[in-house]
């Protein structure tokens, strides 16, 4: 599984003209599910992402607190395009992306697991939906995490 993690001041997901979900300060996490990903990949990301120390302490610029420390929310959005390979040609190749049914199951498993492990709000986009994601990246701070590179 691949995750793009952004520290945000705010984030919203729109589906059509309707606001689906929104939050203030926290993490916006895009998740891409790769072929052959398993619950082990879910466990790795679910245990790692909420503990990333990328928030500043009181009056300090250093990154020393996590969303768990601060009780901040996470907004999770499925994003199969993270698996797009553009090394050859000009059109992305998505052959490494997991088939939708399994990807949907692992995406929701990730969201559930974070909620089970930590007492923080977890908001979700809609798997497979065409969404508009609006965010204010704070810093900016953007990290990449691949469960296969443990």
Foldseek 3Di string as FASTA:
>chain_A
DKKKKFFFQKKWKDFPPRTPDIFGTAIEIEDFAFPPDDVLLLVVCLVPQQADQQDDDVPDPDRGGGCQRVLEEYEYEYDNCVQFDCPDDHDTDSPGGDPQVVRVVSSVVSQVSNVVVGVHHYHYDDRPGDIDMDTGGPVGDIDMDDSVVD
